[in-house]
Amino acid sequence: MPTIHDLVAAIRDREGVQAAVVLGRDGLVIDAQALPTVDTESVAAHVPPVFLAAEELGHASQQDALQTAVLEHEYGYAIVAALSAEAVLLVLALPGVNLAQLLYELRRNRANIASLV
């Protein structure tokens, strides 16, 4: 059976992915694989307020709990996916990434990743 480290590494190894980080809802890193230029601790610390705001938007718009949020920036994407009540997955990707395929794979494997956290 794969470990959380194996699954995070598999996400990170996808073409166009700069970082894959599993973190607690408090922003502390549980596991991370990233290019050397990515400060995973710093990036993870910024996820909780973004996640909370997106979650509140979902409740206010009667769309319920956040599953996945995709943020498009000038130089790439930040994908935040809920894994469980305690954990979140953050994926940083370059603009040229096959975003549809990446989102499909994340959705398909969400339960497997969550079961390891």
Protein backbone atom coordinates (compact mmCIF):
# COMPACT_ATOMS: atom_id res chain seq x y z
CA MET A 1 0.00 0.00 0.00
CA PRO A 2 1.39 3.41 -0.93
CA THR A 3 2.24 5.92 1.77
CA ILE A 4 1.24 9.59 1.87
CA HIS A 5 4.80 10.38 0.79
CA ASP A 6 4.41 8.13 -2.27
CA LEU A 7 1.16 9.78 -3.34
CA VAL A 8 2.50 13.30 -2.81
CA ALA A 9 5.58 12.37 -4.85
CA ALA A 10 3.37 10.97 -7.64
CA ILE A 11 1.46 14.26 -7.84
CA ARG A 12 4.67 16.29 -7.80
CA ASP A 13 6.16 14.13 -10.57
CA ARG A 14 3.40 15.12 -13.00
CA GLU A 15 4.57 17.40 -15.79
CA GLY A 16 4.03 21.05 -14.91
CA VAL A 17 3.60 20.51 -11.16
CA GLN A 18 5.96 22.58 -9.03
CA ALA A 19 4.79 21.42 -5.61
CA ALA A 20 2.39 19.07 -3.87
CA VAL A 21 1.80 19.73 -0.18
CA VAL A 22 -0.47 17.98 2.30
CA LEU A 23 -1.07 20.27 5.24
CA GLY A 24 -3.25 20.54 8.28
CA ARG A 25 -6.05 23.08 8.35
CA ASP A 26 -3.72 25.05 10.65
CA GLY A 27 -1.19 25.50 7.83
CA LEU A 28 1.44 23.08 9.15
CA VAL A 29 3.01 20.81 6.55
CA ILE A 30 2.30 17.08 6.89
CA ASP A 31 4.21 16.07 3.76
CA ALA A 32 5.58 17.97 0.78
CA GLN A 33 7.45 17.47 -2.45
CA ALA A 34 8.52 20.58 -4.33
CA LEU A 35 11.07 22.18 -6.58
CA PRO A 36 13.92 23.71 -4.57
CA THR A 37 12.64 27.20 -5.38
CA VAL A 38 9.33 26.62 -3.54
CA ASP A 39 9.25 27.34 0.19
CA THR A 40 6.57 24.82 1.16
CA GLU A 41 6.36 25.98 4.78
CA SER A 42 5.72 29.59 3.76
CA VAL A 43 3.21 28.68 1.06
CA ALA A 44 1.34 26.27 3.35
CA ALA A 45 1.00 28.96 6.01
CA HIS A 46 -1.03 31.06 3.54
CA VAL A 47 -3.54 28.31 2.68
CA PRO A 48 -5.86 28.33 5.75
CA PRO A 49 -7.28 31.84 5.27
CA VAL A 50 -7.84 31.19 1.55
CA PHE A 51 -9.51 27.87 2.31
CA LEU A 52 -11.69 29.42 5.01
CA ALA A 53 -12.81 32.26 2.72
CA ALA A 54 -13.70 29.83 -0.08
CA GLU A 55 -15.52 27.58 2.39
CA GLU A 56 -17.55 30.54 3.70
CA LEU A 57 -18.40 31.55 0.13
CA GLY A 58 -19.72 28.04 -0.49
CA HIS A 59 -21.93 28.17 2.58
CA ALA A 60 -23.18 31.70 1.83
CA SER A 61 -24.06 30.69 -1.74
CA GLN A 62 -25.73 27.49 -0.52
CA GLN A 63 -23.20 25.31 -2.35
CA ASP A 64 -22.02 23.69 0.89
CA ALA A 65 -18.51 22.53 1.77
CA LEU A 66 -15.48 23.35 -0.37
CA GLN A 67 -14.10 20.45 -2.38
CA THR A 68 -11.55 22.13 -4.65
CA ALA A 69 -10.54 25.71 -5.36
CA VAL A 70 -8.43 26.70 -8.35
CA LEU A 71 -6.63 30.02 -8.20
CA GLU A 72 -5.10 31.29 -11.41
CA HIS A 73 -2.11 33.57 -10.98
CA GLU A 74 0.06 35.30 -13.56
CA TYR A 75 2.68 32.54 -13.46
CA GLY A 76 0.63 29.47 -12.63
CA TYR A 77 -2.11 27.83 -10.61
CA ALA A 78 -2.67 27.10 -6.94
CA ILE A 79 -5.10 24.24 -6.40
CA VAL A 80 -6.47 23.71 -2.91
CA ALA A 81 -8.43 20.52 -2.27
CA ALA A 82 -10.13 19.39 0.93
CA LEU A 83 -9.01 15.94 2.01
CA SER A 84 -10.66 15.63 5.40
CA ALA A 85 -11.77 17.71 8.37
CA GLU A 86 -8.10 18.00 9.33
CA ALA A 87 -6.15 18.05 6.06
CA VAL A 88 -5.86 19.95 2.79
CA LEU A 89 -3.89 19.31 -0.40
CA LEU A 90 -2.14 22.20 -2.15
CA VAL A 91 -0.77 21.77 -5.67
CA LEU A 92 1.22 24.51 -7.40
CA ALA A 93 1.40 24.18 -11.17
CA LEU A 94 2.82 26.04 -14.13
CA PRO A 95 0.54 27.78 -16.67
CA GLY A 96 1.11 25.08 -19.31
CA VAL A 97 -0.06 22.20 -17.12
CA ASN A 98 -2.94 20.06 -18.39
CA LEU A 99 -5.28 21.51 -15.78
CA ALA A 100 -8.32 19.39 -16.67
CA GLN A 101 -6.34 16.15 -16.39
CA LEU A 102 -4.70 17.26 -13.14
CA LEU A 103 -8.05 18.17 -11.56
CA TYR A 104 -9.53 14.86 -12.70
CA GLU A 105 -6.64 12.91 -11.14
CA LEU A 106 -6.88 14.87 -7.88
CA ARG A 107 -10.63 14.27 -7.66
CA ARG A 108 -10.24 10.59 -8.50
CA ASN A 109 -7.51 10.06 -5.89
CA ARG A 110 -8.85 12.34 -3.14
CA ALA A 111 -10.18 9.44 -1.03
CA ASN A 112 -6.92 7.49 -1.34
CA ILE A 113 -4.85 10.47 -0.21
CA ALA A 114 -7.29 11.32 2.59
CA SER A 115 -7.18 7.75 3.90
CA LEU A 116 -3.42 8.09 4.46
CA VAL A 117 -3.54 11.37 6.38
